[in-house]
């Protein structure tokens, strides 16, 4: 199923991907800053085998991701790899690369 918007992925698809088994021992917050007409700000908190998505921003996230809405949709639909997006400047990433690799394994980027 192709995702049509950042909101659809972050609020609907993403929580279903993050089952308790996949997020064992993870404790992090991820800030999504998506620009463009279909963009917005969301943050994901992963703690105690629970993943909660909220609208808005959070101070001092473990990881911060910034992308244009169209590029984000391509990323989550598999049309653009996280590595390529980062290397070409389409994905702005702040945080530890170790956490970034975990996000990639979870299918977030």
C-alpha atoms as a PDB file:
ATOM      1  CA  UNK A   1       0.000   0.000   0.000  1.00  0.00           C
ATOM      2  CA  UNK A   2       1.493   3.306  -1.056  1.00  0.00           C
ATOM      3  CA  UNK A   3       1.369   6.150   1.431  1.00  0.00           C
ATOM      4  CA  UNK A   4      -0.112   9.404   0.121  1.00  0.00           C
ATOM      5  CA  UNK A   5       1.056  11.905   2.744  1.00  0.00           C
ATOM      6  CA  UNK A   6       3.464  12.343   5.646  1.00  0.00           C
ATOM      7  CA  UNK A   7       0.490  12.564   8.024  1.00  0.00           C
ATOM      8  CA  UNK A   8      -0.864   9.208   6.827  1.00  0.00           C
ATOM      9  CA  UNK A   9       2.496   7.511   7.359  1.00  0.00           C
ATOM     10  CA  UNK A  10       3.329   9.082  10.720  1.00  0.00           C
ATOM     11  CA  UNK A  11      -0.124   8.884  12.310  1.00  0.00           C
ATOM     12  CA  UNK A  12      -1.554   5.701  10.740  1.00  0.00           C
ATOM     13  CA  UNK A  13       1.110   3.440   9.208  1.00  0.00           C
ATOM     14  CA  UNK A  14       4.053   4.015  11.553  1.00  0.00           C
ATOM     15  CA  UNK A  15       2.345   3.022  14.832  1.00  0.00           C
ATOM     16  CA  UNK A  16       1.360  -0.307  13.243  1.00  0.00           C
ATOM     17  CA  UNK A  17       4.977  -0.997  12.232  1.00  0.00           C
ATOM     18  CA  UNK A  18       6.300  -0.464  15.744  1.00  0.00           C
ATOM     19  CA  UNK A  19       5.132  -3.592  17.508  1.00  0.00           C
ATOM     20  CA  UNK A  20       6.373  -4.219  21.065  1.00  0.00           C
ATOM     21  CA  UNK A  21       8.656  -6.997  19.784  1.00  0.00           C
ATOM     22  CA  UNK A  22      10.410  -4.615  17.386  1.00  0.00           C
ATOM     23  CA  UNK A  23      11.020  -1.864  19.927  1.00  0.00           C
ATOM     24  CA  UNK A  24      12.322  -3.889  22.866  1.00  0.00           C
ATOM     25  CA  UNK A  25      15.039  -1.964  24.731  1.00  0.00           C
ATOM     26  CA  UNK A  26      14.487   1.217  22.692  1.00  0.00           C
ATOM     27  CA  UNK A  27      14.139   4.502  24.540  1.00  0.00           C
ATOM     28  CA  UNK A  28      14.140   7.490  22.200  1.00  0.00           C
ATOM     29  CA  UNK A  29      12.213  10.428  20.817  1.00  0.00           C
ATOM     30  CA  UNK A  30      12.127  11.227  17.123  1.00  0.00           C
ATOM     31  CA  UNK A  31      11.136  14.659  15.852  1.00  0.00           C
ATOM     32  CA  UNK A  32       9.705  14.838  12.332  1.00  0.00           C
ATOM     33  CA  UNK A  33       9.782  18.289  10.715  1.00  0.00           C
ATOM     34  CA  UNK A  34       8.160  17.904   7.313  1.00  0.00           C
ATOM     35  CA  UNK A  35       7.987  21.019   5.154  1.00  0.00           C
ATOM     36  CA  UNK A  36       5.601  21.803   2.309  1.00  0.00           C
ATOM     37  CA  UNK A  37       1.832  21.975   1.911  1.00  0.00           C
ATOM     38  CA  UNK A  38       1.304  18.426   3.234  1.00  0.00           C
ATOM     39  CA  UNK A  39       3.923  18.813   5.945  1.00  0.00           C
ATOM     40  CA  UNK A  40       3.774  19.337   9.671  1.00  0.00           C
ATOM     41  CA  UNK A  41       5.555  18.614  12.919  1.00  0.00           C
ATOM     42  CA  UNK A  42       5.194  15.342  14.799  1.00  0.00           C
ATOM     43  CA  UNK A  43       7.206  13.511  17.386  1.00  0.00           C
ATOM     44  CA  UNK A  44       7.385   9.845  18.207  1.00  0.00           C
ATOM     45  CA  UNK A  45       8.206   8.625  21.694  1.00  0.00           C
ATOM     46  CA  UNK A  46       9.417   5.036  22.065  1.00  0.00           C
ATOM     47  CA  UNK A  47       9.694   3.851  25.655  1.00  0.00           C
ATOM     48  CA  UNK A  48       8.774   0.718  27.622  1.00  0.00           C
ATOM     49  CA  UNK A  49       7.863  -1.146  24.412  1.00  0.00           C
ATOM     50  CA  UNK A  50       5.278   1.503  23.504  1.00  0.00           C
ATOM     51  CA  UNK A  51       5.320   3.930  20.594  1.00  0.00           C
ATOM     52  CA  UNK A  52       3.251   7.105  20.824  1.00  0.00           C
ATOM     53  CA  UNK A  53       2.920   9.688  18.034  1.00  0.00           C
ATOM     54  CA  UNK A  54       1.957  13.263  18.870  1.00  0.00           C
ATOM     55  CA  UNK A  55       1.528  16.407  16.818  1.00  0.00           C
ATOM     56  CA  UNK A  56       3.945  19.251  17.509  1.00  0.00           C
ATOM     57  CA  UNK A  57       7.532  19.530  18.628  1.00  0.00           C
ATOM     58  CA  UNK A  58       9.512  18.263  21.588  1.00  0.00           C
ATOM     59  CA  UNK A  59      12.627  19.734  23.164  1.00  0.00           C
ATOM     60  CA  UNK A  60      15.856  17.778  22.877  1.00  0.00           C
ATOM     61  CA  UNK A  61      14.726  14.805  20.779  1.00  0.00           C
ATOM     62  CA  UNK A  62      17.087  11.866  20.444  1.00  0.00           C
ATOM     63  CA  UNK A  63      16.830  12.254  16.668  1.00  0.00           C
ATOM     64  CA  UNK A  64      15.495  15.042  14.488  1.00  0.00           C
ATOM     65  CA  UNK A  65      14.515  14.485  10.844  1.00  0.00           C
ATOM     66  CA  UNK A  66      13.691  17.280   8.412  1.00  0.00           C
ATOM     67  CA  UNK A  67      12.460  16.713   4.848  1.00  0.00           C
ATOM     68  CA  UNK A  68      10.173  18.138   2.193  1.00  0.00           C
ATOM     69  CA  UNK A  69       6.778  16.443   2.101  1.00  0.00           C
ATOM     70  CA  UNK A  70       7.212  14.990  -1.415  1.00  0.00           C
ATOM     71  CA  UNK A  71      10.646  13.548  -0.566  1.00  0.00           C
ATOM     72  CA  UNK A  72       9.321  12.052   2.672  1.00  0.00           C
ATOM     73  CA  UNK A  73       6.521  10.281   0.782  1.00  0.00           C
ATOM     74  CA  UNK A  74       9.093   8.890  -1.677  1.00  0.00           C
ATOM     75  CA  UNK A  75      11.244   7.742   1.244  1.00  0.00           C
ATOM     76  CA  UNK A  76       8.486   5.859   3.055  1.00  0.00           C
ATOM     77  CA  UNK A  77       7.194   4.347  -0.199  1.00  0.00           C
ATOM     78  CA  UNK A  78      10.643   2.930  -0.981  1.00  0.00           C
ATOM     79  CA  UNK A  79      11.248   5.187  -3.985  1.00  0.00           C
ATOM     80  CA  UNK A  80      14.121   6.955  -2.193  1.00  0.00           C
ATOM     81  CA  UNK A  81      16.572   5.319   0.214  1.00  0.00           C
ATOM     82  CA  UNK A  82      17.418   6.925   3.531  1.00  0.00           C
ATOM     83  CA  UNK A  83      21.121   6.890   2.663  1.00  0.00           C
ATOM     84  CA  UNK A  84      20.551   8.557  -0.697  1.00  0.00           C
ATOM     85  CA  UNK A  85      18.221  11.145   0.827  1.00  0.00           C
ATOM     86  CA  UNK A  86      20.847  11.988   3.452  1.00  0.00           C
ATOM     87  CA  UNK A  87      23.760  12.082   1.004  1.00  0.00           C
ATOM     88  CA  UNK A  88      21.887  14.355  -1.428  1.00  0.00           C
ATOM     89  CA  UNK A  89      20.709  16.733   1.297  1.00  0.00           C
ATOM     90  CA  UNK A  90      17.035  15.782   1.003  1.00  0.00           C
ATOM     91  CA  UNK A  91      17.071  14.419   4.551  1.00  0.00           C
ATOM     92  CA  UNK A  92      18.462  16.550   7.352  1.00  0.00           C
ATOM     93  CA  UNK A  93      19.365  14.346  10.293  1.00  0.00           C
ATOM     94  CA  UNK A  94      20.474  15.352  13.785  1.00  0.00           C
ATOM     95  CA  UNK A  95      21.387  12.756  16.356  1.00  0.00           C
ATOM     96  CA  UNK A  96      23.527   9.675  16.691  1.00  0.00           C
ATOM     97  CA  UNK A  97      24.091   7.488  13.650  1.00  0.00           C
ATOM     98  CA  UNK A  98      23.544   4.453  15.879  1.00  0.00           C
ATOM     99  CA  UNK A  99      19.972   5.587  16.446  1.00  0.00           C
ATOM    100  CA  UNK A 100      19.668   6.398  12.744  1.00  0.00           C
ATOM    101  CA  UNK A 101      20.573   2.822  11.854  1.00  0.00           C
ATOM    102  CA  UNK A 102      17.924   1.587  14.297  1.00  0.00           C
ATOM    103  CA  UNK A 103      15.342   3.779  12.549  1.00  0.00           C
ATOM    104  CA  UNK A 104      16.364   2.343   9.209  1.00  0.00           C
ATOM    105  CA  UNK A 105      15.965  -1.217  10.511  1.00  0.00           C
ATOM    106  CA  UNK A 106      12.499  -0.330  11.829  1.00  0.00           C
ATOM    107  CA  UNK A 107      11.490   0.993   8.413  1.00  0.00           C
ATOM    108  CA  UNK A 108      11.105   4.597   9.522  1.00  0.00           C
ATOM    109  CA  UNK A 109      13.774   5.978   7.187  1.00  0.00           C
END
